[in-house]
Amino acid sequence: MSKYTLSKPRKEECDFFKVTIVADSNDGDYITTTRTYTSKQFNGAIVDELIELKFKYGESHQLSDCPLGEYIDIPYNGYDGFCHTLESLSVVYIDEDGFTWDVNLQGG
């Protein structure tokens, strides 16, 4: 007997982008934010902010100077503001059939 089963995603769980941002808050303390966006939302201002985040604030200790965050959810440490270093940025797209696609941001 199997310990789990897989179910096909329901239609309302398809056709969206999932953005996960991991940032260093304090020398090895990591904070993660994950948000989902409709295709319309993502293709508006979201993708532009993500590209700017990745290519302008992706180096060590640049995140604390980042003015972004109007549209995306940048990790916040709750003490003194944003985390200081972007550790990873992952974007996937779940299509209308439930297939997951890696999204590779272009720009710089």
C-alpha atoms as a PDB file:
ATOM      1  CA  MET A   1       0.000   0.000   0.000  1.00  0.00           C
ATOM      2  CA  SER A   2       1.337   3.415  -0.984  1.00  0.00           C
ATOM      3  CA  LYS A   3       1.834   6.112   1.630  1.00  0.00           C
ATOM      4  CA  TYR A   4       0.579   8.841  -0.695  1.00  0.00           C
ATOM      5  CA  THR A   5      -1.249   9.522  -3.943  1.00  0.00           C
ATOM      6  CA  LEU A   6      -0.860  12.241  -6.528  1.00  0.00           C
ATOM      7  CA  SER A   7      -3.783  14.260  -7.801  1.00  0.00           C
ATOM      8  CA  LYS A   8      -3.928  16.317 -10.953  1.00  0.00           C
ATOM      9  CA  PRO A   9      -3.957  20.042 -10.088  1.00  0.00           C
ATOM     10  CA  ARG A  10      -7.357  21.678 -10.095  1.00  0.00           C
ATOM     11  CA  LYS A  11      -7.955  24.278 -12.778  1.00  0.00           C
ATOM     12  CA  GLU A  12      -7.890  27.199 -10.311  1.00  0.00           C
ATOM     13  CA  GLU A  13      -4.386  26.099  -9.242  1.00  0.00           C
ATOM     14  CA  CYS A  14      -3.049  26.468 -12.787  1.00  0.00           C
ATOM     15  CA  ASP A  15      -1.848  29.355 -14.950  1.00  0.00           C
ATOM     16  CA  PHE A  16       0.151  31.239 -12.320  1.00  0.00           C
ATOM     17  CA  PHE A  17       3.717  32.194 -11.434  1.00  0.00           C
ATOM     18  CA  LYS A  18       5.268  31.234  -8.094  1.00  0.00           C
ATOM     19  CA  VAL A  19       8.121  33.467  -6.868  1.00  0.00           C
ATOM     20  CA  THR A  20      10.368  32.392  -3.989  1.00  0.00           C
ATOM     21  CA  ILE A  21      12.985  34.781  -2.610  1.00  0.00           C
ATOM     22  CA  VAL A  22      15.527  33.674   0.000  1.00  0.00           C
ATOM     23  CA  ALA A  23      17.632  36.321   1.728  1.00  0.00           C
ATOM     24  CA  ASP A  24      20.279  36.414   4.432  1.00  0.00           C
ATOM     25  CA  SER A  25      19.014  38.364   7.408  1.00  0.00           C
ATOM     26  CA  ASN A  26      21.939  38.122   9.795  1.00  0.00           C
ATOM     27  CA  ASP A  27      24.975  36.012   8.889  1.00  0.00           C
ATOM     28  CA  GLY A  28      23.274  32.730   8.145  1.00  0.00           C
ATOM     29  CA  ASP A  29      19.747  33.475   9.345  1.00  0.00           C
ATOM     30  CA  TYR A  30      17.631  33.125   6.214  1.00  0.00           C
ATOM     31  CA  ILE A  31      14.161  34.433   5.559  1.00  0.00           C
ATOM     32  CA  THR A  32      12.064  33.134   2.677  1.00  0.00           C
ATOM     33  CA  THR A  33       9.059  34.697   1.003  1.00  0.00           C
ATOM     34  CA  THR A  34       6.872  32.895  -1.508  1.00  0.00           C
ATOM     35  CA  ARG A  35       4.082  34.555  -3.476  1.00  0.00           C
ATOM     36  CA  THR A  36       1.957  33.585  -6.401  1.00  0.00           C
ATOM     37  CA  TYR A  37       0.856  35.898  -9.190  1.00  0.00           C
ATOM     38  CA  THR A  38      -1.569  35.564 -12.057  1.00  0.00           C
ATOM     39  CA  SER A  39      -0.069  35.767 -15.528  1.00  0.00           C
ATOM     40  CA  LYS A  40      -1.498  39.263 -15.916  1.00  0.00           C
ATOM     41  CA  GLN A  41       0.059  40.452 -12.644  1.00  0.00           C
ATOM     42  CA  PHE A  42       3.421  38.817 -13.372  1.00  0.00           C
ATOM     43  CA  ASN A  43       3.712  40.187 -16.890  1.00  0.00           C
ATOM     44  CA  GLY A  44       3.022  43.697 -15.590  1.00  0.00           C
ATOM     45  CA  ALA A  45       5.303  45.285 -13.016  1.00  0.00           C
ATOM     46  CA  ILE A  46       6.259  42.055 -11.193  1.00  0.00           C
ATOM     47  CA  VAL A  47       8.669  40.718 -13.814  1.00  0.00           C
ATOM     48  CA  ASP A  48      10.378  44.103 -14.141  1.00  0.00           C
ATOM     49  CA  GLU A  49      10.991  44.340 -10.374  1.00  0.00           C
ATOM     50  CA  LEU A  50      12.289  40.769 -10.268  1.00  0.00           C
ATOM     51  CA  ILE A  51      14.750  41.430 -13.089  1.00  0.00           C
ATOM     52  CA  GLU A  52      15.970  44.585 -11.365  1.00  0.00           C
ATOM     53  CA  LEU A  53      16.267  42.727  -8.047  1.00  0.00           C
ATOM     54  CA  LYS A  54      18.267  39.888  -9.576  1.00  0.00           C
ATOM     55  CA  PHE A  55      20.657  41.934 -11.673  1.00  0.00           C
ATOM     56  CA  LYS A  56      21.115  45.121  -9.601  1.00  0.00           C
ATOM     57  CA  TYR A  57      20.814  43.863  -6.031  1.00  0.00           C
ATOM     58  CA  GLY A  58      21.945  40.240  -6.269  1.00  0.00           C
ATOM     59  CA  GLU A  59      25.456  40.634  -4.899  1.00  0.00           C
ATOM     60  CA  SER A  60      26.493  40.359  -1.263  1.00  0.00           C
ATOM     61  CA  HIS A  61      25.156  43.105   1.022  1.00  0.00           C
ATOM     62  CA  GLN A  62      23.278  44.945  -1.767  1.00  0.00           C
ATOM     63  CA  LEU A  63      19.755  44.003  -0.742  1.00  0.00           C
ATOM     64  CA  SER A  64      19.626  46.395   2.207  1.00  0.00           C
ATOM     65  CA  ASP A  65      19.996  49.301  -0.265  1.00  0.00           C
ATOM     66  CA  CYS A  66      17.270  47.998  -2.561  1.00  0.00           C
ATOM     67  CA  PRO A  67      14.430  50.505  -3.153  1.00  0.00           C
ATOM     68  CA  LEU A  68      12.171  47.822  -4.656  1.00  0.00           C
ATOM     69  CA  GLY A  69       9.264  46.111  -2.966  1.00  0.00           C
ATOM     70  CA  GLU A  70       6.248  47.945  -4.293  1.00  0.00           C
ATOM     71  CA  TYR A  71       5.117  44.881  -6.260  1.00  0.00           C
ATOM     72  CA  ILE A  72       7.252  41.989  -5.018  1.00  0.00           C
ATOM     73  CA  ASP A  73       7.621  40.603  -1.515  1.00  0.00           C
ATOM     74  CA  ILE A  74      11.275  41.072  -0.524  1.00  0.00           C
ATOM     75  CA  PRO A  75      12.187  39.306   2.742  1.00  0.00           C
ATOM     76  CA  TYR A  76      12.067  41.609   5.741  1.00  0.00           C
ATOM     77  CA  ASN A  77      13.776  40.670   8.981  1.00  0.00           C
ATOM     78  CA  GLY A  78      11.454  42.586  11.303  1.00  0.00           C
ATOM     79  CA  TYR A  79      14.261  44.251  13.223  1.00  0.00           C
ATOM     80  CA  ASP A  80      16.118  46.725  11.088  1.00  0.00           C
ATOM     81  CA  GLY A  81      14.563  46.439   7.647  1.00  0.00           C
ATOM     82  CA  PHE A  82      15.228  44.310   4.635  1.00  0.00           C
ATOM     83  CA  CYS A  83      17.681  41.450   4.716  1.00  0.00           C
ATOM     84  CA  HIS A  84      21.176  42.313   3.487  1.00  0.00           C
ATOM     85  CA  THR A  85      21.916  39.675   0.824  1.00  0.00           C
ATOM     86  CA  LEU A  86      19.817  37.968  -1.821  1.00  0.00           C
ATOM     87  CA  GLU A  87      20.631  34.265  -1.579  1.00  0.00           C
ATOM     88  CA  SER A  88      18.303  32.928  -4.241  1.00  0.00           C
ATOM     89  CA  LEU A  89      15.440  33.918  -6.505  1.00  0.00           C
ATOM     90  CA  SER A  90      13.314  31.155  -7.969  1.00  0.00           C
ATOM     91  CA  VAL A  91      10.429  31.630 -10.387  1.00  0.00           C
ATOM     92  CA  VAL A  92       8.276  28.848 -11.782  1.00  0.00           C
ATOM     93  CA  TYR A  93       5.210  28.929 -14.003  1.00  0.00           C
ATOM     94  CA  ILE A  94       2.411  26.399 -13.661  1.00  0.00           C
ATOM     95  CA  ASP A  95       0.622  26.238 -17.004  1.00  0.00           C
ATOM     96  CA  GLU A  96      -3.035  25.571 -17.792  1.00  0.00           C
ATOM     97  CA  ASP A  97      -2.410  21.796 -17.822  1.00  0.00           C
ATOM     98  CA  GLY A  98      -0.612  21.791 -14.457  1.00  0.00           C
ATOM     99  CA  PHE A  99       2.918  21.441 -15.848  1.00  0.00           C
ATOM    100  CA  THR A 100       5.638  23.362 -14.002  1.00  0.00           C
ATOM    101  CA  TRP A 101       8.160  25.396 -15.991  1.00  0.00           C
ATOM    102  CA  ASP A 102      11.330  27.039 -14.688  1.00  0.00           C
ATOM    103  CA  VAL A 103      11.400  30.756 -15.491  1.00  0.00           C
ATOM    104  CA  ASN A 104      14.831  32.150 -16.342  1.00  0.00           C
ATOM    105  CA  LEU A 105      14.840  35.920 -16.002  1.00  0.00           C
ATOM    106  CA  GLN A 106      16.721  37.800 -18.725  1.00  0.00           C
ATOM    107  CA  GLY A 107      18.241  41.223 -18.376  1.00  0.00           C
ATOM    108  CA  GLY A 108      20.896  42.991 -16.541  1.00  0.00           C
END
